[in-house]
Amino acid sequence: MLSPTENPMRPTLFIVTAVAAVLAARSNPPAVPFPEGFREWAHVKSGLIGPTSERFAGLGGLHHVYANPAARRALADGQWTDGAIIVLDRFEALEANGDTKEGKRLSLDVMVRDSARYSTTGGWGFERFAGDTRNGVVGANAANACFTCHAAQANPRMVFTSWRP
């Protein structure tokens, strides 16, 4: 019986394992982290997608958009640099007597600009956190779940929001 160091298949197994790891890393971009402290960033805008909108099923609710300092600058000058982060904080819209207010959080959507880490999705990492949790629900499916819609917004750099001075 051969010892592990004498096993002629060992180098081949190492190479196959290494190649598989590289391919997995390319097809599954790194996870986007929860954006700690995002409510201290610039509040860009708020909006409401109501029940009569064709986008209501997937995006309905009261939206608040936040931008970290790099994203805030990019919204103003159009120069999207690595490190820019945009957050869409989405809440259930509760209506009573003609007033609309926030209900429970539905999701927290995050875009992170890092052209090297997220090269397969246009230089952006995407994640959606469910409700008030830090459980990401997009993960490796970012290309289908987020990128396809954002790619249609090629100008300005796959972002749906803009800065209003």
Protein backbone atom coordinates (compact mmCIF):
# COMPACT_ATOMS: atom_id res chain seq x y z
CA MET A 1 0.00 0.00 0.00
CA LEU A 2 1.27 3.47 -0.89
CA SER A 3 1.65 6.17 1.73
CA PRO A 4 -0.14 9.50 1.12
CA THR A 5 3.15 11.10 0.07
CA GLU A 6 3.84 8.29 -2.42
CA ASN A 7 0.37 8.40 -3.96
CA PRO A 8 0.80 9.26 -7.66
CA MET A 9 -2.74 10.71 -7.81
CA ARG A 10 -2.11 13.28 -5.08
CA PRO A 11 -0.71 16.08 -7.35
CA THR A 12 -3.55 15.56 -9.82
CA LEU A 13 -6.15 15.70 -7.06
CA PHE A 14 -4.59 18.92 -5.75
CA ILE A 15 -4.68 20.54 -9.20
CA VAL A 16 -8.29 19.48 -9.82
CA THR A 17 -9.32 20.82 -6.41
CA ALA A 18 -7.52 24.13 -6.99
CA VAL A 19 -9.10 24.61 -10.44
CA ALA A 20 -12.55 23.82 -9.03
CA ALA A 21 -12.06 26.40 -6.28
CA VAL A 22 -11.06 29.09 -8.80
CA LEU A 23 -14.05 28.33 -11.03
CA ALA A 24 -16.42 28.38 -8.06
CA ALA A 25 -15.05 31.75 -6.96
CA ARG A 26 -15.58 33.16 -10.46
CA SER A 27 -19.15 31.91 -10.75
CA ASN A 28 -20.11 32.90 -7.18
CA PRO A 29 -18.96 36.46 -6.43
CA PRO A 30 -18.16 37.20 -2.79
CA ALA A 31 -21.12 37.88 -0.55
CA VAL A 32 -22.20 41.47 -0.01
CA PRO A 33 -22.09 42.30 3.71
CA PHE A 34 -24.88 43.94 5.69
CA PRO A 35 -24.29 47.74 5.53
CA GLU A 36 -23.64 48.67 9.16
CA GLY A 37 -24.58 52.28 10.00
CA PHE A 38 -26.31 52.96 6.68
CA ARG A 39 -28.97 55.18 8.30
CA GLU A 40 -26.18 57.69 9.07
CA TRP A 41 -25.38 58.06 5.37
CA ALA A 42 -26.98 60.57 3.03
CA HIS A 43 -30.71 60.04 2.58
CA VAL A 44 -31.12 60.34 -1.18
CA LYS A 45 -34.88 60.04 -1.56
CA SER A 46 -38.07 58.23 -0.60
CA GLY A 47 -40.73 56.78 -2.85
CA LEU A 48 -43.80 54.63 -2.91
CA ILE A 49 -44.59 51.76 -5.26
CA GLY A 50 -48.30 51.21 -4.77
CA PRO A 51 -50.68 48.38 -5.64
CA THR A 52 -51.54 49.75 -9.10
CA SER A 53 -47.87 49.60 -10.22
CA GLU A 54 -46.74 46.70 -12.41
CA ARG A 55 -43.70 46.46 -10.10
CA PHE A 56 -45.77 46.10 -6.92
CA ALA A 57 -45.51 42.29 -6.62
CA GLY A 58 -41.72 42.35 -6.30
CA LEU A 59 -40.96 45.88 -5.16
CA GLY A 60 -44.12 47.28 -3.62
CA GLY A 61 -43.90 49.44 -0.54
CA LEU A 62 -42.36 52.57 0.87
CA HIS A 63 -38.72 53.00 -0.19
CA HIS A 64 -35.92 55.01 1.42
CA VAL A 65 -32.62 55.23 -0.47
CA TYR A 66 -29.31 55.86 1.32
CA ALA A 67 -25.83 56.46 -0.13
CA ASN A 68 -22.48 56.21 1.60
CA PRO A 69 -20.06 59.14 0.99
CA ALA A 70 -18.55 57.57 -2.16
CA ALA A 71 -22.00 56.87 -3.64
CA ARG A 72 -23.22 60.33 -2.66
CA ARG A 73 -20.36 61.91 -4.63
CA ALA A 74 -21.01 59.57 -7.57
CA LEU A 75 -24.70 60.48 -7.68
CA ALA A 76 -23.64 64.11 -8.05
CA ASP A 77 -20.74 63.74 -10.48
CA GLY A 78 -21.39 60.40 -12.23
CA GLN A 79 -17.98 58.97 -11.34
CA TRP A 80 -18.74 55.59 -9.73
CA THR A 81 -15.65 54.44 -7.87
CA ASP A 82 -15.05 51.26 -5.93
CA GLY A 83 -16.39 51.51 -2.41
CA ALA A 84 -19.68 53.19 -3.35
CA ILE A 85 -22.67 51.61 -1.57
CA ILE A 86 -26.37 52.25 -2.12
CA VAL A 87 -29.09 50.90 0.16
CA LEU A 88 -32.80 50.60 -0.56
CA ASP A 89 -34.68 50.22 2.73
CA ARG A 90 -38.17 48.92 1.81
CA PHE A 91 -41.16 48.92 4.15
CA GLU A 92 -44.75 47.84 3.99
CA ALA A 93 -46.91 50.91 3.23
CA LEU A 94 -49.79 51.24 5.69
CA GLU A 95 -52.63 53.54 4.73
CA ALA A 96 -55.33 54.85 7.04
CA ASN A 97 -57.55 57.90 6.62
CA GLY A 98 -55.51 59.15 3.66
CA ASP A 99 -52.18 58.93 5.50
CA THR A 100 -49.38 56.55 4.51
CA LYS A 101 -46.78 55.40 7.02
CA GLU A 102 -44.13 52.72 7.38
CA GLY A 103 -45.13 49.24 8.44
CA LYS A 104 -42.73 46.35 8.89
CA ARG A 105 -39.49 46.22 6.96
CA LEU A 106 -39.88 44.04 3.87
CA SER A 107 -36.27 44.01 2.69
CA LEU A 108 -32.99 45.85 2.64
CA ASP A 109 -31.39 45.85 -0.84
CA VAL A 110 -27.69 46.66 -1.13
CA MET A 111 -25.44 47.51 -4.09
CA VAL A 112 -21.66 47.60 -3.55
CA ARG A 113 -19.30 48.93 -6.24
CA ASP A 114 -16.14 46.82 -6.52
CA SER A 115 -15.09 46.32 -10.13
CA ALA A 116 -12.66 43.49 -9.38
CA ARG A 117 -14.70 41.44 -6.89
CA TYR A 118 -17.94 41.69 -8.87
CA SER A 119 -16.65 41.72 -12.44
CA THR A 120 -19.28 39.19 -13.59
CA THR A 121 -22.11 41.56 -12.59
CA GLY A 122 -20.89 44.83 -14.08
CA GLY A 123 -18.67 45.74 -11.12
CA TRP A 124 -21.56 45.68 -8.66
CA GLY A 125 -22.29 43.26 -5.83
CA PHE A 126 -25.94 42.81 -4.93
CA GLU A 127 -27.76 41.44 -1.90
CA ARG A 128 -31.23 41.54 -0.41
CA PHE A 129 -31.63 41.05 3.32
CA ALA A 130 -34.99 39.65 4.42
CA GLY A 131 -37.09 41.82 6.73
CA ASP A 132 -35.21 42.91 9.85
CA THR A 133 -32.75 40.02 9.61
CA ARG A 134 -29.23 39.91 8.29
CA ASN A 135 -30.07 36.87 6.20
CA GLY A 136 -29.09 37.44 2.60
CA VAL A 137 -31.54 35.93 0.14
CA VAL A 138 -29.86 36.67 -3.21
CA GLY A 139 -26.35 35.28 -2.72
CA ALA A 140 -24.97 33.53 -5.79
CA ASN A 141 -28.16 34.31 -7.73
CA ALA A 142 -27.32 38.03 -8.01
CA ALA A 143 -26.83 37.81 -11.78
CA ASN A 144 -30.44 36.70 -12.28
CA ALA A 145 -32.13 38.34 -9.30
CA CYS A 146 -30.61 41.83 -9.57
CA PHE A 147 -28.09 42.34 -12.36
CA THR A 148 -30.45 41.70 -15.28
CA CYS A 149 -32.70 44.64 -14.30
CA HIS A 150 -29.84 46.92 -13.25
CA ALA A 151 -27.96 46.26 -16.50
CA ALA A 152 -30.76 48.09 -18.33
CA GLN A 153 -29.70 51.19 -16.35
CA ALA A 154 -26.23 51.22 -17.92
CA ASN A 155 -26.24 54.98 -17.60
CA PRO A 156 -25.62 55.99 -14.84
CA ARG A 157 -23.77 52.79 -14.05
CA MET A 158 -26.74 50.51 -13.30
CA VAL A 159 -28.26 52.74 -10.63
CA PHE A 160 -31.98 53.57 -10.66
CA THR A 161 -31.79 56.62 -8.41
CA SER A 162 -30.36 60.06 -8.96
CA TRP A 163 -29.35 63.02 -6.81
CA ARG A 164 -31.64 66.00 -6.70
CA PRO A 165 -29.68 69.08 -5.57
